[in-house]
Amino acid sequence: MAYIGAQPRLGNFQACDAITTSATTTFNLLVGGTAIFPQSAQHCLVSLNGVLQAPISSYTISGSTIIFAAALTTDDSIDFITILGDTLDLGTPSDSTVTTAKVVDGAITSAKLASGVGGKVLQVLYTKTDSAQTISSGSYTDLTSMSLAITPSSSSNKILIRAGISGELTANDHGFGIGIVRGSTAVLTENTKALYGNGITELVARLPFEFLDSPSTTSATTYKIQVKTHDGNSVIFNRSSVSFLVLMEVAA
């Protein structure tokens, strides 16, 4: 690459020519009698009267000159000024050279994933209940203790809902359906009977199911499970075994 002015010298430690002090703040920087242009004050090691000086607060660099914060005298001695060379721009790393140890934990967000590289589970929430609840309504009714609030990290992410609903049918032709509500919006209504005991006088079962939802939000969102019974017959939930609800945020 061509440069206007001096070619950058990477890692090229150079000792400046001796400087005779005087009652001033500014001195020329020379190496072999030729002006040198440090990249910044931080690229110089400066010793004055046997004390290493702090860049910026004790001195600054302007072009090929060093400017001390206070005027020197003829009694002062600049022991040495060493130019460290310019910083090295690594550019684009070669293939297969960046290891996982070089990537800071949490540095890669879902927004940086290429399209189609989703599917990573970002968070998991879980609840369960074994508190018996009898429901005989033909309309969807909240199942007690079967709700969870989740805050998606991206509006494009999905929420995978998994649940197992424990129901006990105590008479012939009993059954129940399952619904999922997001906030106040029904996202799943199992109008056909999710579980139906046709001709069975007693049936105890845990019905597993899952549903993938797209809430399109980054606000806290509550999901809850609702149930309804067939023809108003009673169904006892959570008496013989627990019901559970799992929410998983999945990167899009």
Protein backbone atom coordinates (compact mmCIF):
# COMPACT_ATOMS: atom_id res chain seq x y z
CA MET A 1 0.00 0.00 0.00
CA ALA A 2 1.31 3.46 -0.88
CA TYR A 3 1.54 6.15 1.83
CA ILE A 4 1.72 9.94 1.75
CA GLY A 5 4.58 10.92 4.02
CA ALA A 6 6.57 8.55 6.17
CA GLN A 7 5.93 4.82 5.78
CA PRO A 8 4.50 3.37 9.05
CA ARG A 9 7.04 1.26 10.88
CA LEU A 10 5.38 -1.58 12.74
CA GLY A 11 7.07 -2.63 15.97
CA ASN A 12 10.23 -0.70 14.97
CA PHE A 13 11.77 0.50 18.25
CA GLN A 14 13.92 3.56 17.58
CA ALA A 15 15.94 5.72 19.98
CA CYS A 16 15.74 9.43 19.29
CA ASP A 17 18.88 11.52 19.00
CA ALA A 18 20.07 13.20 22.21
CA ILE A 19 18.23 16.42 23.01
CA THR A 20 19.83 19.42 24.72
CA THR A 21 17.29 20.97 27.06
CA SER A 22 16.48 24.65 27.30
CA ALA A 23 13.83 26.91 28.80
CA THR A 24 11.00 25.74 26.54
CA THR A 25 8.36 23.02 26.29
CA THR A 26 8.84 21.94 22.67
CA PHE A 27 11.68 19.89 21.21
CA ASN A 28 12.29 18.31 17.80
CA LEU A 29 12.40 14.55 17.49
CA LEU A 30 15.17 13.19 15.28
CA VAL A 31 16.57 9.76 14.53
CA GLY A 32 19.91 9.87 12.79
CA GLY A 33 19.35 13.54 12.10
CA THR A 34 16.04 12.90 10.32
CA ALA A 35 12.68 14.03 11.68
CA ILE A 36 10.51 11.20 12.99
CA PHE A 37 6.76 11.27 13.40
CA PRO A 38 5.42 9.10 16.25
CA GLN A 39 1.84 7.95 15.82
CA SER A 40 0.83 9.31 19.24
CA ALA A 41 2.16 10.08 22.71
CA GLN A 42 1.26 6.54 23.77
CA HIS A 43 3.75 5.25 21.18
CA CYS A 44 6.69 6.85 23.00
CA LEU A 45 8.71 6.00 26.09
CA VAL A 46 10.10 9.23 27.58
CA SER A 47 12.48 9.45 30.55
CA LEU A 48 13.13 12.87 32.12
CA ASN A 49 15.58 13.24 34.99
CA GLY A 50 15.50 9.49 35.57
CA VAL A 51 11.67 9.33 35.76
CA LEU A 52 9.48 7.70 33.11
CA GLN A 53 6.87 10.25 32.00
CA ALA A 54 3.13 9.65 31.56
CA PRO A 55 1.79 10.22 28.03
CA ILE A 56 -0.71 13.08 27.59
CA SER A 57 -0.49 14.37 31.18
CA SER A 58 3.30 14.90 31.08
CA TYR A 59 3.84 15.34 27.36
CA THR A 60 2.09 15.25 23.99
CA ILE A 61 3.25 14.66 20.43
CA SER A 62 2.61 17.04 17.54
CA GLY A 63 4.06 15.94 14.21
CA SER A 64 7.80 15.48 14.77
CA THR A 65 7.94 17.40 18.06
CA ILE A 66 7.43 16.53 21.72
CA ILE A 67 5.68 19.08 23.91
CA PHE A 68 6.16 18.84 27.67
CA ALA A 69 3.41 19.97 30.03
CA ALA A 70 5.82 22.40 31.74
CA ALA A 71 8.85 24.24 30.42
CA LEU A 72 12.19 22.57 31.06
CA THR A 73 15.42 24.22 32.11
CA THR A 74 19.04 23.70 31.15
CA ASP A 75 19.43 21.68 34.35
CA ASP A 76 16.90 19.07 33.18
CA SER A 77 18.03 15.96 31.36
CA ILE A 78 16.02 14.02 28.77
CA ASP A 79 17.53 10.59 29.38
CA PHE A 80 15.94 8.95 26.33
CA ILE A 81 12.95 9.00 24.01
CA THR A 82 12.14 5.65 22.41
CA ILE A 83 9.62 5.43 19.56
CA LEU A 84 7.69 2.17 19.75
CA GLY A 85 6.40 2.14 16.15
CA ASP A 86 2.84 2.17 14.86
CA THR A 87 0.11 -0.23 15.94
CA LEU A 88 -0.45 -3.26 13.75
CA ASP A 89 -3.79 -3.64 11.98
CA LEU A 90 -4.40 -7.39 11.84
CA GLY A 91 -6.94 -7.04 9.05
CA THR A 92 -9.00 -10.12 8.26
CA PRO A 93 -7.85 -13.24 10.17
CA SER A 94 -6.87 -16.22 8.07
CA ASP A 95 -9.28 -19.14 7.77
CA SER A 96 -9.45 -21.47 10.79
CA THR A 97 -7.33 -19.17 12.98
CA VAL A 98 -9.98 -17.77 15.37
CA THR A 99 -10.70 -20.27 18.16
CA THR A 100 -13.62 -20.29 20.58
CA ALA A 101 -11.23 -19.15 23.34
CA LYS A 102 -10.73 -15.88 21.44
CA VAL A 103 -14.47 -15.07 21.36
CA VAL A 104 -15.79 -13.30 24.46
CA ASP A 105 -18.69 -15.10 26.16
CA GLY A 106 -21.99 -13.54 25.14
CA ALA A 107 -20.41 -11.54 22.32
CA ILE A 108 -22.49 -13.18 19.59
CA THR A 109 -26.15 -12.18 19.73
CA SER A 110 -29.06 -13.67 17.80
CA ALA A 111 -29.07 -10.52 15.64
CA LYS A 112 -25.60 -11.53 14.35
CA LEU A 113 -26.70 -15.00 13.27
CA ALA A 114 -27.09 -15.47 9.53
CA SER A 115 -30.54 -16.17 8.15
CA GLY A 116 -31.41 -19.81 8.65
CA VAL A 117 -28.97 -20.31 11.54
CA GLY A 118 -31.64 -20.12 14.20
CA GLY A 119 -33.04 -22.80 16.45
CA LYS A 120 -30.96 -22.07 19.54
CA VAL A 121 -32.91 -22.21 22.81
CA LEU A 122 -32.26 -18.93 24.63
CA GLN A 123 -34.28 -19.43 27.81
CA VAL A 124 -36.53 -22.03 29.43
CA LEU A 125 -39.32 -21.48 31.98
CA TYR A 126 -41.18 -24.25 33.80
CA THR A 127 -44.10 -24.66 36.17
CA LYS A 128 -46.20 -27.57 37.43
CA THR A 129 -49.18 -28.18 39.67
CA ASP A 130 -50.75 -31.09 41.52
CA SER A 131 -53.61 -29.04 42.97
CA ALA A 132 -56.84 -30.83 42.04
CA GLN A 133 -59.36 -28.74 40.10
CA THR A 134 -62.79 -29.87 38.93
CA ILE A 135 -64.12 -28.20 35.76
CA SER A 136 -67.49 -28.82 34.14
CA SER A 137 -67.75 -25.80 31.86
CA GLY A 138 -68.14 -26.13 28.10
CA SER A 139 -66.31 -22.80 27.74
CA TYR A 140 -62.57 -22.41 28.05
CA THR A 141 -61.55 -21.93 31.69
CA ASP A 142 -58.12 -21.11 33.15
CA LEU A 143 -56.33 -24.10 34.58
CA THR A 144 -55.04 -22.99 37.99
CA SER A 145 -51.25 -22.49 38.34
CA MET A 146 -50.69 -23.20 34.64
CA SER A 147 -49.41 -19.83 33.44
CA LEU A 148 -45.95 -18.36 32.80
CA ALA A 149 -44.63 -14.95 31.78
CA ILE A 150 -41.69 -14.77 29.37
CA THR A 151 -39.80 -11.77 27.91
CA PRO A 152 -38.43 -12.56 24.42
CA SER A 153 -35.01 -11.07 23.62
CA SER A 154 -36.00 -10.43 19.99
CA SER A 155 -39.35 -9.80 18.32
CA SER A 156 -38.44 -12.31 15.61
CA ASN A 157 -37.93 -15.19 18.04
CA LYS A 158 -40.45 -17.96 18.60
CA ILE A 159 -41.91 -19.40 21.80
CA LEU A 160 -42.17 -23.18 21.92
CA ILE A 161 -44.91 -24.24 24.35
CA ARG A 162 -44.85 -27.72 25.78
CA ALA A 163 -47.36 -29.01 28.29
CA GLY A 164 -48.72 -32.16 29.84
CA ILE A 165 -52.30 -31.91 31.13
CA SER A 166 -53.48 -34.47 33.67
CA GLY A 167 -57.20 -35.18 33.48
CA GLU A 168 -59.44 -37.74 35.19
CA LEU A 169 -62.66 -38.72 33.43
CA THR A 170 -65.07 -40.18 35.94
CA ALA A 171 -68.03 -41.21 33.75
CA ASN A 172 -68.89 -42.42 30.27
CA ASP A 173 -68.70 -39.92 27.38
CA HIS A 174 -66.58 -37.46 29.29
CA GLY A 175 -63.75 -35.55 27.62
CA PHE A 176 -61.95 -32.22 27.49
CA GLY A 177 -60.31 -29.82 25.04
CA ILE A 178 -57.22 -27.66 25.51
CA GLY A 179 -56.58 -24.00 24.69
CA ILE A 180 -53.54 -21.70 24.91
CA VAL A 181 -53.90 -17.98 25.56
CA ARG A 182 -51.18 -15.38 24.98
CA GLY A 183 -52.13 -12.36 27.07
CA SER A 184 -55.80 -12.09 26.12
CA THR A 185 -55.44 -13.69 22.68
CA ALA A 186 -56.32 -17.33 22.09
CA VAL A 187 -53.52 -18.84 19.99
CA LEU A 188 -54.73 -22.45 20.15
CA THR A 189 -58.24 -23.83 20.64
CA GLU A 190 -58.59 -27.57 20.42
CA ASN A 191 -62.29 -27.56 19.55
CA THR A 192 -62.26 -31.22 18.71
CA LYS A 193 -61.91 -33.16 21.93
CA ALA A 194 -58.25 -33.43 22.94
CA LEU A 195 -59.12 -36.40 25.14
CA TYR A 196 -62.41 -38.28 25.02
CA GLY A 197 -63.47 -41.37 26.92
CA ASN A 198 -66.05 -42.89 24.59
CA GLY A 199 -67.67 -45.77 26.43
CA ILE A 200 -65.10 -45.62 29.22
CA THR A 201 -66.45 -45.08 32.72
CA GLU A 202 -63.10 -43.98 34.17
CA LEU A 203 -59.95 -42.77 32.45
CA VAL A 204 -56.89 -41.10 33.97
CA ALA A 205 -54.30 -39.73 31.56
CA ARG A 206 -51.70 -37.02 31.09
CA LEU A 207 -52.11 -35.51 27.64
CA PRO A 208 -48.84 -34.10 26.21
CA PHE A 209 -48.85 -31.47 23.47
CA GLU A 210 -46.72 -28.66 22.05
CA PHE A 211 -47.30 -25.51 20.02
CA LEU A 212 -44.94 -23.00 18.37
CA ASP A 213 -46.01 -19.37 18.72
CA SER A 214 -44.73 -16.09 17.23
CA PRO A 215 -45.50 -13.34 19.77
CA SER A 216 -43.59 -10.66 17.74
CA THR A 217 -42.66 -8.67 20.83
CA THR A 218 -39.89 -8.05 23.35
CA SER A 219 -42.33 -7.23 26.15
CA ALA A 220 -43.18 -9.58 28.99
CA THR A 221 -45.82 -11.98 27.67
CA THR A 222 -47.99 -14.34 29.70
CA TYR A 223 -49.08 -17.73 28.38
CA LYS A 224 -51.72 -19.77 30.16
CA ILE A 225 -53.46 -23.09 29.63
CA GLN A 226 -57.23 -23.29 29.44
CA VAL A 227 -59.52 -26.32 29.32
CA LYS A 228 -63.17 -27.00 28.58
CA THR A 229 -65.23 -30.15 29.08
CA HIS A 230 -67.43 -32.12 26.70
CA ASP A 231 -71.17 -31.50 27.09
CA GLY A 232 -70.67 -29.90 30.50
CA ASN A 233 -69.58 -33.14 32.16
CA SER A 234 -67.10 -32.85 35.04
CA VAL A 235 -63.41 -33.56 34.64
CA ILE A 236 -60.96 -33.53 37.55
CA PHE A 237 -57.55 -32.11 36.69
CA ASN A 238 -54.27 -32.69 38.56
CA ARG A 239 -55.69 -35.11 41.12
CA SER A 240 -53.88 -38.29 40.17
CA SER A 241 -50.77 -36.78 38.58
CA VAL A 242 -49.23 -33.38 37.94
CA SER A 243 -49.76 -31.08 34.98
CA PHE A 244 -46.80 -29.06 33.68
CA LEU A 245 -46.08 -26.14 31.37
CA VAL A 246 -42.77 -25.28 29.67
CA LEU A 247 -41.96 -22.13 27.66
CA MET A 248 -38.81 -22.01 25.51
CA GLU A 249 -37.59 -18.97 23.58
CA VAL A 250 -36.09 -20.15 20.29
CA ALA A 251 -33.86 -17.90 18.15
CA ALA A 252 -35.38 -17.26 14.74
